[in-house]
């Protein structure tokens, strides 16, 4: 992982809340944490995402595509629902959803085990290391090799 300053985790969670609010979400999900990291293209972890083609705007598009695919999967025509091109922003403090809580818990657990500082690279590894969920589907839609990305984050570029 490239060295250099990363945004602190509390600031990143706050940025993820802003991302979630902009998308009209009712809670901060792992994909909102991913968006907050991608919105920092000058940070080492943001640069890693960009190297894998995971730009902020592309992730927004992929999230919209994932919503449409999910609706279609359960038999709902996304066009009939009238998904707004610009979602209505939510306001106020949003709770952490299960996906983001699990990612943050893995970071804290790994940090405690290694007696290491909490860091954004470890959070990104926890987010992309999950086999199921929205982030896993987004990475598949983006044709990103998760194992390759994880190896890169662990400093083992192949």
Protein backbone atom coordinates (compact mmCIF):
# COMPACT_ATOMS: atom_id res chain seq x y z
CA UNK A 1 0.00 0.00 0.00
CA UNK A 2 1.43 3.41 -0.87
CA UNK A 3 2.44 5.41 2.17
CA UNK A 4 1.13 8.84 3.02
CA UNK A 5 -1.59 10.46 5.05
CA UNK A 6 -5.07 9.03 4.89
CA UNK A 7 -8.23 10.55 6.21
CA UNK A 8 -9.02 9.47 9.78
CA UNK A 9 -11.77 6.89 10.20
CA UNK A 10 -14.15 9.25 12.06
CA UNK A 11 -13.82 11.82 9.27
CA UNK A 12 -14.29 9.09 6.69
CA UNK A 13 -17.50 7.91 8.38
CA UNK A 14 -18.74 11.50 8.36
CA UNK A 15 -17.92 11.74 4.63
CA UNK A 16 -19.73 8.41 4.10
CA UNK A 17 -22.78 9.89 5.81
CA UNK A 18 -22.70 12.76 3.31
CA UNK A 19 -22.47 10.23 0.45
CA UNK A 20 -25.40 8.25 1.88
CA UNK A 21 -27.49 11.40 2.31
CA UNK A 22 -26.76 12.47 -1.27
CA UNK A 23 -28.09 9.11 -2.48
CA UNK A 24 -31.20 9.32 -0.32
CA UNK A 25 -30.14 6.43 1.93
CA UNK A 26 -31.56 5.94 5.39
CA UNK A 27 -28.33 4.44 6.78
CA UNK A 28 -24.60 4.41 6.06
CA UNK A 29 -23.80 1.22 4.15
CA UNK A 30 -20.41 -0.21 3.14
CA UNK A 31 -20.85 1.22 -0.36
CA UNK A 32 -21.06 4.71 1.16
CA UNK A 33 -17.75 4.10 2.94
CA UNK A 34 -16.33 3.00 -0.43
CA UNK A 35 -17.64 6.18 -2.06
CA UNK A 36 -16.08 8.32 0.68
CA UNK A 37 -12.70 6.66 0.08
CA UNK A 38 -13.01 7.09 -3.69
CA UNK A 39 -13.84 10.78 -3.17
CA UNK A 40 -10.29 11.24 -1.84
CA UNK A 41 -8.29 10.63 -5.05
CA UNK A 42 -5.09 12.13 -3.62
CA UNK A 43 -4.97 9.78 -0.64
CA UNK A 44 -2.96 6.55 -1.00
CA UNK A 45 -6.08 4.40 -0.63
CA UNK A 46 -8.04 6.61 -3.02
CA UNK A 47 -5.21 6.23 -5.53
CA UNK A 48 -5.50 2.47 -5.20
CA UNK A 49 -9.20 2.58 -6.02
CA UNK A 50 -8.51 4.80 -9.01
CA UNK A 51 -5.79 2.41 -10.19
CA UNK A 52 -8.49 -0.28 -10.30
CA UNK A 53 -10.88 2.00 -12.20
CA UNK A 54 -13.10 2.67 -9.19
CA UNK A 55 -13.61 6.39 -9.61
CA UNK A 56 -16.23 8.13 -7.50
CA UNK A 57 -18.54 8.96 -10.44
CA UNK A 58 -18.23 5.42 -11.80
CA UNK A 59 -19.19 3.99 -8.42
CA UNK A 60 -22.26 6.26 -8.31
CA UNK A 61 -23.28 4.92 -11.74
CA UNK A 62 -22.66 1.34 -10.63
CA UNK A 63 -24.80 1.85 -7.52
CA UNK A 64 -27.64 3.13 -9.72
CA UNK A 65 -27.23 0.11 -11.98
CA UNK A 66 -27.22 -2.22 -8.97
CA UNK A 67 -30.48 -0.70 -7.70
CA UNK A 68 -32.10 -1.22 -11.10
CA UNK A 69 -30.79 -4.82 -11.30
CA UNK A 70 -32.08 -5.60 -7.82
CA UNK A 71 -35.54 -4.32 -8.68
CA UNK A 72 -35.56 -6.27 -11.94
CA UNK A 73 -34.47 -9.40 -10.07
CA UNK A 74 -37.60 -9.30 -7.91
CA UNK A 75 -39.77 -8.65 -10.94
CA UNK A 76 -40.14 -4.89 -10.74
CA UNK A 77 -39.50 -2.85 -13.86
CA UNK A 78 -37.16 -0.05 -12.71
CA UNK A 79 -38.74 2.30 -15.27
CA UNK A 80 -42.20 1.73 -13.78
CA UNK A 81 -40.99 2.68 -10.30
CA UNK A 82 -39.73 5.97 -11.62
CA UNK A 83 -36.38 6.02 -9.87
CA UNK A 84 -35.30 9.65 -9.83
CA UNK A 85 -32.09 10.46 -11.67
CA UNK A 86 -31.23 12.60 -8.66
CA UNK A 87 -32.38 10.92 -5.43
CA UNK A 88 -33.99 13.04 -2.75
CA UNK A 89 -31.31 13.81 -0.18
CA UNK A 90 -31.84 12.64 3.36
CA UNK A 91 -31.01 14.88 6.29
CA UNK A 92 -29.77 14.45 9.81
CA UNK A 93 -27.49 11.92 11.38
CA UNK A 94 -27.74 8.52 9.74
CA UNK A 95 -27.14 5.26 11.62
CA UNK A 96 -24.52 2.77 10.54
CA UNK A 97 -26.04 -0.17 8.67
CA UNK A 98 -24.97 -3.74 9.31
CA UNK A 99 -22.55 -3.81 6.35
CA UNK A 100 -20.63 -0.75 7.56
CA UNK A 101 -20.70 -1.90 11.21
CA UNK A 102 -19.22 -5.26 10.21
CA UNK A 103 -16.44 -3.63 8.17
CA UNK A 104 -15.56 -1.23 10.99
CA UNK A 105 -15.65 -4.07 13.54
CA UNK A 106 -13.18 -6.09 11.42
CA UNK A 107 -10.84 -3.09 11.30
CA UNK A 108 -10.96 -2.62 15.08
CA UNK A 109 -10.48 -6.35 15.68
CA UNK A 110 -7.49 -6.56 13.32
CA UNK A 111 -6.01 -3.37 14.77
CA UNK A 112 -6.31 -4.68 18.33
CA UNK A 113 -4.85 -8.05 17.39
CA UNK A 114 -1.84 -6.46 15.68
CA UNK A 115 -1.63 -3.56 18.13
CA UNK A 116 -1.78 -1.27 15.14
CA UNK A 117 -3.47 2.04 14.44
CA UNK A 118 -6.87 2.13 12.79
CA UNK A 119 -6.42 3.04 9.15
CA UNK A 120 -8.39 3.56 5.97
CA UNK A 121 -6.44 0.93 4.00
CA UNK A 122 -7.54 -1.71 6.50
CA UNK A 123 -11.13 -0.47 6.23
CA UNK A 124 -11.05 -0.72 2.45
CA UNK A 125 -9.64 -4.24 2.72
CA UNK A 126 -12.50 -5.16 5.07
CA UNK A 127 -15.07 -3.63 2.71
CA UNK A 128 -13.82 -5.33 -0.46
CA UNK A 129 -13.03 -8.59 1.33
CA UNK A 130 -16.68 -9.37 1.95
CA UNK A 131 -17.94 -12.13 -0.35
CA UNK A 132 -21.57 -10.98 -0.49
CA UNK A 133 -23.47 -7.74 -0.52
CA UNK A 134 -23.66 -4.59 -2.57
CA UNK A 135 -19.92 -3.88 -2.65
CA UNK A 136 -19.14 -7.39 -3.90
CA UNK A 137 -21.74 -6.95 -6.65
CA UNK A 138 -20.39 -3.49 -7.54
CA UNK A 139 -16.87 -4.88 -7.89
CA UNK A 140 -18.17 -7.70 -10.09
CA UNK A 141 -20.09 -5.20 -12.24
CA UNK A 142 -16.88 -3.15 -12.57
CA UNK A 143 -14.92 -6.29 -13.53
CA UNK A 144 -12.53 -5.75 -10.62
CA UNK A 145 -10.64 -8.80 -9.43
CA UNK A 146 -11.28 -8.63 -5.67
CA UNK A 147 -8.34 -10.90 -4.86
CA UNK A 148 -6.01 -8.69 -6.88
CA UNK A 149 -7.31 -5.57 -5.13
CA UNK A 150 -6.94 -7.19 -1.70
CA UNK A 151 -3.41 -8.35 -2.52
CA UNK A 152 -2.57 -4.81 -3.60
CA UNK A 153 -3.97 -3.43 -0.34
CA UNK A 154 -1.92 -5.94 1.63
CA UNK A 155 1.20 -4.81 -0.22
CA UNK A 156 1.48 -7.98 -2.27
CA UNK A 157 0.96 -6.69 -5.77
CA UNK A 158 0.92 -9.63 -8.17
